[in-house]
Amino acid sequence: MTAHLTDEQRSYLTDHMWAVLATGRMDGSPQVSMIGYVLDAEDRMVISIKSYTAKWKNALRQPRVAIMVPTAAPTRPSTARPSASTPIPCALSSRPTCS
């Protein structure tokens, strides 16, 4: 099945690289994971999932899934990524005292 996306939808999905995939566990509770994705030439979302993961097994058992591409997720082609020398802001630090 080919997706029919507007130019705006295609641009949004192409500019982002992370999505949230929700599948259903056997007990009916949700299993939610961050996944990377790309759009193929036919505007289909292509994701990579290992066959030993819960999301894979859940989707095989119950092929109804939900995918969300959050606006706050990092975008392509690059984002600022902290390096080993990037200081952690005091508010995020687990150290008892922060100078």
C-alpha atoms as a PDB file:
ATOM      1  CA  MET A   1       0.000   0.000   0.000  1.00  0.00           C
ATOM      2  CA  THR A   2       1.440   3.356  -1.012  1.00  0.00           C
ATOM      3  CA  ALA A   3       1.106   6.280   1.367  1.00  0.00           C
ATOM      4  CA  HIS A   4      -0.447   9.497   0.119  1.00  0.00           C
ATOM      5  CA  LEU A   5       1.322  12.321   1.909  1.00  0.00           C
ATOM      6  CA  THR A   6       1.012  16.034   1.395  1.00  0.00           C
ATOM      7  CA  ASP A   7       4.207  17.988   0.754  1.00  0.00           C
ATOM      8  CA  GLU A   8       3.963  19.355   4.293  1.00  0.00           C
ATOM      9  CA  GLN A   9       3.619  15.869   5.824  1.00  0.00           C
ATOM     10  CA  ARG A  10       6.489  14.510   3.717  1.00  0.00           C
ATOM     11  CA  SER A  11       8.706  17.431   4.707  1.00  0.00           C
ATOM     12  CA  TYR A  12       7.909  16.955   8.402  1.00  0.00           C
ATOM     13  CA  LEU A  13       8.619  13.229   8.312  1.00  0.00           C
ATOM     14  CA  THR A  14      11.778  13.679   6.262  1.00  0.00           C
ATOM     15  CA  ASP A  15      13.097  16.364   8.616  1.00  0.00           C
ATOM     16  CA  HIS A  16      12.730  14.087  11.646  1.00  0.00           C
ATOM     17  CA  MET A  17      14.400  10.791  12.382  1.00  0.00           C
ATOM     18  CA  TRP A  18      12.844   9.485  15.607  1.00  0.00           C
ATOM     19  CA  ALA A  19       9.381   8.138  16.254  1.00  0.00           C
ATOM     20  CA  VAL A  20       7.555   6.437  19.097  1.00  0.00           C
ATOM     21  CA  LEU A  21       6.178   2.981  18.291  1.00  0.00           C
ATOM     22  CA  ALA A  22       3.403   1.586  20.470  1.00  0.00           C
ATOM     23  CA  THR A  23       2.473  -2.089  20.370  1.00  0.00           C
ATOM     24  CA  GLY A  24       0.317  -4.196  22.667  1.00  0.00           C
ATOM     25  CA  ARG A  25       1.668  -6.738  25.131  1.00  0.00           C
ATOM     26  CA  MET A  26      -0.089 -10.067  25.666  1.00  0.00           C
ATOM     27  CA  ASP A  27      -1.779  -8.701  28.791  1.00  0.00           C
ATOM     28  CA  GLY A  28      -3.139  -5.745  26.791  1.00  0.00           C
ATOM     29  CA  SER A  29      -0.818  -3.138  28.281  1.00  0.00           C
ATOM     30  CA  PRO A  30       1.121  -0.857  25.924  1.00  0.00           C
ATOM     31  CA  GLN A  31       4.766  -1.394  25.046  1.00  0.00           C
ATOM     32  CA  VAL A  32       6.276   1.881  23.813  1.00  0.00           C
ATOM     33  CA  SER A  33       9.699   2.347  22.202  1.00  0.00           C
ATOM     34  CA  MET A  34      11.691   5.089  20.498  1.00  0.00           C
ATOM     35  CA  ILE A  35      12.659   3.997  16.990  1.00  0.00           C
ATOM     36  CA  GLY A  36      14.635   5.500  14.145  1.00  0.00           C
ATOM     37  CA  TYR A  37      13.024   5.647  10.712  1.00  0.00           C
ATOM     38  CA  VAL A  38      13.393   6.858   7.137  1.00  0.00           C
ATOM     39  CA  LEU A  39      10.864   7.374   4.352  1.00  0.00           C
ATOM     40  CA  ASP A  40      11.367   5.280   1.237  1.00  0.00           C
ATOM     41  CA  ALA A  41      10.691   6.405  -2.358  1.00  0.00           C
ATOM     42  CA  GLU A  42       7.005   5.509  -1.963  1.00  0.00           C
ATOM     43  CA  ASP A  43       6.605   7.542   1.260  1.00  0.00           C
ATOM     44  CA  ARG A  44       6.473   4.435   3.434  1.00  0.00           C
ATOM     45  CA  MET A  45       8.034   4.670   6.878  1.00  0.00           C
ATOM     46  CA  VAL A  46      10.864   2.132   7.096  1.00  0.00           C
ATOM     47  CA  ILE A  47      11.969   1.080  10.560  1.00  0.00           C
ATOM     48  CA  SER A  48      14.510  -1.441  11.757  1.00  0.00           C
ATOM     49  CA  ILE A  49      13.499  -3.790  14.542  1.00  0.00           C
ATOM     50  CA  LYS A  50      15.369  -6.846  15.799  1.00  0.00           C
ATOM     51  CA  SER A  51      13.325 -10.061  15.722  1.00  0.00           C
ATOM     52  CA  TYR A  52      14.064 -10.844  19.382  1.00  0.00           C
ATOM     53  CA  THR A  53      12.502  -7.639  20.731  1.00  0.00           C
ATOM     54  CA  ALA A  54       9.138  -7.323  22.436  1.00  0.00           C
ATOM     55  CA  LYS A  55       7.916  -4.798  19.846  1.00  0.00           C
ATOM     56  CA  TRP A  56       8.608  -7.305  17.035  1.00  0.00           C
ATOM     57  CA  LYS A  57       6.835 -10.156  18.809  1.00  0.00           C
ATOM     58  CA  ASN A  58       3.935  -7.893  19.777  1.00  0.00           C
ATOM     59  CA  ALA A  59       3.495  -6.619  16.201  1.00  0.00           C
ATOM     60  CA  LEU A  60       3.527 -10.164  14.789  1.00  0.00           C
ATOM     61  CA  ARG A  61       0.882 -11.248  17.262  1.00  0.00           C
ATOM     62  CA  GLN A  62      -1.179  -8.039  17.023  1.00  0.00           C
ATOM     63  CA  PRO A  63      -0.351  -6.089  13.838  1.00  0.00           C
ATOM     64  CA  ARG A  64      -2.248  -2.985  14.957  1.00  0.00           C
ATOM     65  CA  VAL A  65       0.420  -0.514  16.068  1.00  0.00           C
ATOM     66  CA  ALA A  66       0.633   3.242  16.519  1.00  0.00           C
ATOM     67  CA  ILE A  67       3.508   5.479  15.486  1.00  0.00           C
ATOM     68  CA  MET A  68       3.996   9.074  16.602  1.00  0.00           C
ATOM     69  CA  VAL A  69       6.679  11.469  15.376  1.00  0.00           C
ATOM     70  CA  PRO A  70       7.057  14.030  18.158  1.00  0.00           C
ATOM     71  CA  THR A  71       7.912  17.636  17.348  1.00  0.00           C
ATOM     72  CA  ALA A  72      10.445  17.748  20.196  1.00  0.00           C
ATOM     73  CA  ALA A  73      12.489  14.875  18.749  1.00  0.00           C
ATOM     74  CA  PRO A  74      15.876  15.622  17.179  1.00  0.00           C
ATOM     75  CA  THR A  75      15.675  16.544  13.514  1.00  0.00           C
ATOM     76  CA  ARG A  76      17.847  15.743  10.506  1.00  0.00           C
ATOM     77  CA  PRO A  77      20.517  16.242   9.318  1.00  0.00           C
ATOM     78  CA  SER A  78      22.313  17.079  12.541  1.00  0.00           C
ATOM     79  CA  THR A  79      21.628  18.114  16.083  1.00  0.00           C
ATOM     80  CA  ALA A  80      23.876  19.198  18.899  1.00  0.00           C
ATOM     81  CA  ARG A  81      25.102  16.110  20.666  1.00  0.00           C
ATOM     82  CA  PRO A  82      26.930  16.380  23.968  1.00  0.00           C
ATOM     83  CA  SER A  83      30.502  15.190  23.995  1.00  0.00           C
ATOM     84  CA  ALA A  84      32.442  13.739  26.900  1.00  0.00           C
ATOM     85  CA  SER A  85      33.728  17.243  27.672  1.00  0.00           C
ATOM     86  CA  THR A  86      30.293  18.893  27.658  1.00  0.00           C
ATOM     87  CA  PRO A  87      29.454  19.924  31.235  1.00  0.00           C
ATOM     88  CA  ILE A  88      26.164  18.716  32.695  1.00  0.00           C
ATOM     89  CA  PRO A  89      23.974  21.574  33.932  1.00  0.00           C
ATOM     90  CA  CYS A  90      23.787  21.663  37.705  1.00  0.00           C
ATOM     91  CA  ALA A  91      20.024  21.077  37.716  1.00  0.00           C
ATOM     92  CA  LEU A  92      20.495  17.796  35.822  1.00  0.00           C
ATOM     93  CA  SER A  93      23.469  16.598  37.830  1.00  0.00           C
ATOM     94  CA  SER A  94      23.143  13.771  40.347  1.00  0.00           C
ATOM     95  CA  ARG A  95      26.048  15.173  42.365  1.00  0.00           C
ATOM     96  CA  PRO A  96      25.076  16.313  45.872  1.00  0.00           C
ATOM     97  CA  THR A  97      26.895  19.605  45.414  1.00  0.00           C
ATOM     98  CA  CYS A  98      27.320  21.420  42.181  1.00  0.00           C
ATOM     99  CA  SER A  99      29.699  24.320  41.733  1.00  0.00           C
END
